[in-house]
């Protein structure tokens, strides 16, 4: 099993908000189970996203949108695995995968536009309780004890 660290609120949106596309800049050969890890940073762009706001509005148990801030536990959890998904495809953007798929974005604080690769995610299975874990950049392998815990909870 592999894992992917995703900034909040995007990690929440993958597990609870119907986000089926993760936008990255690197093509990967890996397909299969993928643990979604909420990183330590919040994305301002994610907090301002109308898609995330729409997904959060009216979600029972996940709070409501109030003055631009949602504060349910799944939204505010950082440095933990929130659940698993299946990574079923990875392809360059071709104007596809809307509304979550993007075509390009500007790197943090820069002006360089990077081409986007879409990670196609299916079958989101959130954990009842997040598993604290240190993340990493790119596609990474969780520690053996974390993989064993996910397997015990029926998350291959």
Protein backbone atom coordinates (compact mmCIF):
# COMPACT_ATOMS: atom_id res chain seq x y z
CA UNK A 1 0.00 0.00 0.00
CA UNK A 2 1.09 3.54 -0.75
CA UNK A 3 0.06 6.85 0.82
CA UNK A 4 -0.36 10.40 -0.36
CA UNK A 5 -0.14 13.49 1.83
CA UNK A 6 -2.79 16.06 0.95
CA UNK A 7 -3.30 19.47 2.53
CA UNK A 8 -6.55 20.19 4.33
CA UNK A 9 -9.33 20.81 3.34
CA UNK A 10 -8.56 18.83 0.17
CA UNK A 11 -7.92 15.66 2.21
CA UNK A 12 -11.35 16.06 3.85
CA UNK A 13 -12.93 16.60 0.42
CA UNK A 14 -11.42 13.34 -0.86
CA UNK A 15 -12.71 11.35 2.11
CA UNK A 16 -16.07 13.08 2.69
CA UNK A 17 -16.80 15.65 0.00
CA UNK A 18 -16.89 13.69 -3.23
CA UNK A 19 -13.49 14.82 -4.54
CA UNK A 20 -12.48 12.06 -6.96
CA UNK A 21 -9.56 13.81 -8.65
CA UNK A 22 -6.32 14.88 -6.98
CA UNK A 23 -4.21 17.28 -9.03
CA UNK A 24 -0.45 16.71 -9.10
CA UNK A 25 2.47 17.43 -11.43
CA UNK A 26 4.01 13.96 -11.79
CA UNK A 27 2.85 10.85 -13.63
CA UNK A 28 2.98 7.69 -11.54
CA UNK A 29 2.82 4.04 -12.58
CA UNK A 30 1.31 2.94 -9.27
CA UNK A 31 -2.36 1.86 -9.20
CA UNK A 32 -4.07 0.34 -6.19
CA UNK A 33 -4.95 1.11 -2.58
CA UNK A 34 -3.88 4.53 -1.41
CA UNK A 35 -4.01 5.90 2.14
CA UNK A 36 -5.00 9.57 2.28
CA UNK A 37 -2.84 11.43 4.79
CA UNK A 38 -3.83 14.91 5.98
CA UNK A 39 -0.68 16.99 6.04
CA UNK A 40 0.32 19.68 8.51
CA UNK A 41 -0.53 22.61 6.24
CA UNK A 42 -3.85 24.09 5.22
CA UNK A 43 -4.42 25.25 1.67
CA UNK A 44 -5.78 28.78 1.45
CA UNK A 45 -6.89 27.97 -2.09
CA UNK A 46 -8.76 24.95 -0.74
CA UNK A 47 -10.41 26.96 2.00
CA UNK A 48 -11.61 29.44 -0.65
CA UNK A 49 -12.72 26.77 -3.14
CA UNK A 50 -16.42 26.96 -4.04
CA UNK A 51 -16.31 23.18 -4.61
CA UNK A 52 -15.09 22.53 -1.07
CA UNK A 53 -17.55 25.04 0.35
CA UNK A 54 -20.41 23.37 -1.53
CA UNK A 55 -19.29 19.91 -0.35
CA UNK A 56 -19.12 21.12 3.26
CA UNK A 57 -22.47 22.91 3.30
CA UNK A 58 -25.17 20.84 4.93
CA UNK A 59 -23.02 17.77 5.60
CA UNK A 60 -24.44 16.19 8.74
CA UNK A 61 -21.67 15.58 11.26
CA UNK A 62 -19.20 17.75 9.41
CA UNK A 63 -20.34 21.17 10.57
CA UNK A 64 -21.56 23.92 8.32
CA UNK A 65 -19.94 26.73 6.43
CA UNK A 66 -19.87 29.75 8.71
CA UNK A 67 -17.88 32.86 7.81
CA UNK A 68 -15.63 30.80 5.54
CA UNK A 69 -14.45 28.32 8.19
CA UNK A 70 -15.58 24.74 8.71
CA UNK A 71 -14.45 23.11 11.94
CA UNK A 72 -15.57 19.47 12.04
CA UNK A 73 -13.00 16.98 13.35
CA UNK A 74 -12.40 15.42 9.93
CA UNK A 75 -11.70 18.86 8.50
CA UNK A 76 -9.28 19.99 11.17
CA UNK A 77 -7.35 16.75 11.57
CA UNK A 78 -3.71 17.08 10.51
CA UNK A 79 -0.74 14.70 10.51
CA UNK A 80 -2.96 11.63 10.28
CA UNK A 81 -4.30 9.08 7.83
CA UNK A 82 -8.00 9.78 7.28
CA UNK A 83 -8.86 6.68 5.24
CA UNK A 84 -8.17 4.91 1.98
CA UNK A 85 -9.16 5.15 -1.67
CA UNK A 86 -8.37 3.22 -4.83
CA UNK A 87 -6.03 4.98 -7.25
CA UNK A 88 -7.46 3.72 -10.55
CA UNK A 89 -5.85 6.00 -13.15
CA UNK A 90 -3.19 8.66 -13.57
CA UNK A 91 -3.22 10.80 -16.71
CA UNK A 92 -2.23 14.25 -17.95
CA UNK A 93 -5.00 16.83 -18.00
CA UNK A 94 -6.81 16.94 -21.34
CA UNK A 95 -9.61 19.28 -20.30
CA UNK A 96 -11.21 16.35 -18.49
CA UNK A 97 -12.21 15.35 -14.97
CA UNK A 98 -14.15 18.48 -14.14
CA UNK A 99 -15.09 19.94 -11.75
CA UNK A 100 -12.22 18.74 -9.50
CA UNK A 101 -9.66 18.29 -12.28
CA UNK A 102 -7.55 21.35 -13.04
CA UNK A 103 -5.49 22.26 -16.10
CA UNK A 104 -2.68 24.24 -14.49
CA UNK A 105 -1.86 26.14 -11.34
CA UNK A 106 0.71 28.56 -10.05
CA UNK A 107 3.26 27.15 -7.61
CA UNK A 108 3.24 28.51 -4.04
CA UNK A 109 4.35 32.14 -4.14
CA UNK A 110 5.63 31.90 -7.70
CA UNK A 111 4.52 32.78 -11.18
CA UNK A 112 5.42 29.53 -12.93
CA UNK A 113 2.42 27.58 -14.20
CA UNK A 114 2.81 23.81 -13.97
CA UNK A 115 1.01 21.24 -16.08
CA UNK A 116 -1.36 19.03 -14.14
CA UNK A 117 -1.70 15.27 -13.85
CA UNK A 118 -5.00 13.86 -12.60
CA UNK A 119 -5.02 11.09 -10.02
CA UNK A 120 -8.39 9.36 -10.40
CA UNK A 121 -9.66 8.15 -7.01
CA UNK A 122 -12.55 5.79 -6.29
CA UNK A 123 -14.15 4.06 -3.32
CA UNK A 124 -13.30 6.47 -0.50
CA UNK A 125 -13.38 4.63 2.84
CA UNK A 126 -12.91 7.03 5.76
CA UNK A 127 -11.64 5.67 9.05
CA UNK A 128 -13.81 6.02 12.16
CA UNK A 129 -10.76 7.51 13.90
CA UNK A 130 -7.76 9.04 12.07
CA UNK A 131 -4.42 7.31 12.56
CA UNK A 132 -1.67 9.75 13.63
CA UNK A 133 1.24 9.47 11.26
CA UNK A 134 4.07 11.55 9.84
CA UNK A 135 3.67 12.16 6.11
CA UNK A 136 6.09 12.64 3.25
CA UNK A 137 6.28 14.28 -0.14
CA UNK A 138 5.11 12.41 -3.23
CA UNK A 139 3.90 8.84 -3.17
CA UNK A 140 5.22 7.11 -0.04
CA UNK A 141 4.96 3.86 1.87
CA UNK A 142 3.46 4.09 5.37
CA UNK A 143 5.28 2.38 8.25
CA UNK A 144 4.51 -1.34 8.66
CA UNK A 145 2.51 -0.80 11.88
CA UNK A 146 0.23 1.72 10.12
CA UNK A 147 -0.32 -0.68 7.20
CA UNK A 148 -1.12 -3.47 9.68
CA UNK A 149 -3.63 -1.21 11.47
CA UNK A 150 -5.31 -0.32 8.16
CA UNK A 151 -5.50 -4.03 7.27
CA UNK A 152 -7.07 -4.85 10.66
CA UNK A 153 -9.72 -2.23 9.91
CA UNK A 154 -10.43 -3.80 6.54
CA UNK A 155 -8.61 -1.17 4.50
CA UNK A 156 -6.25 -3.04 2.15
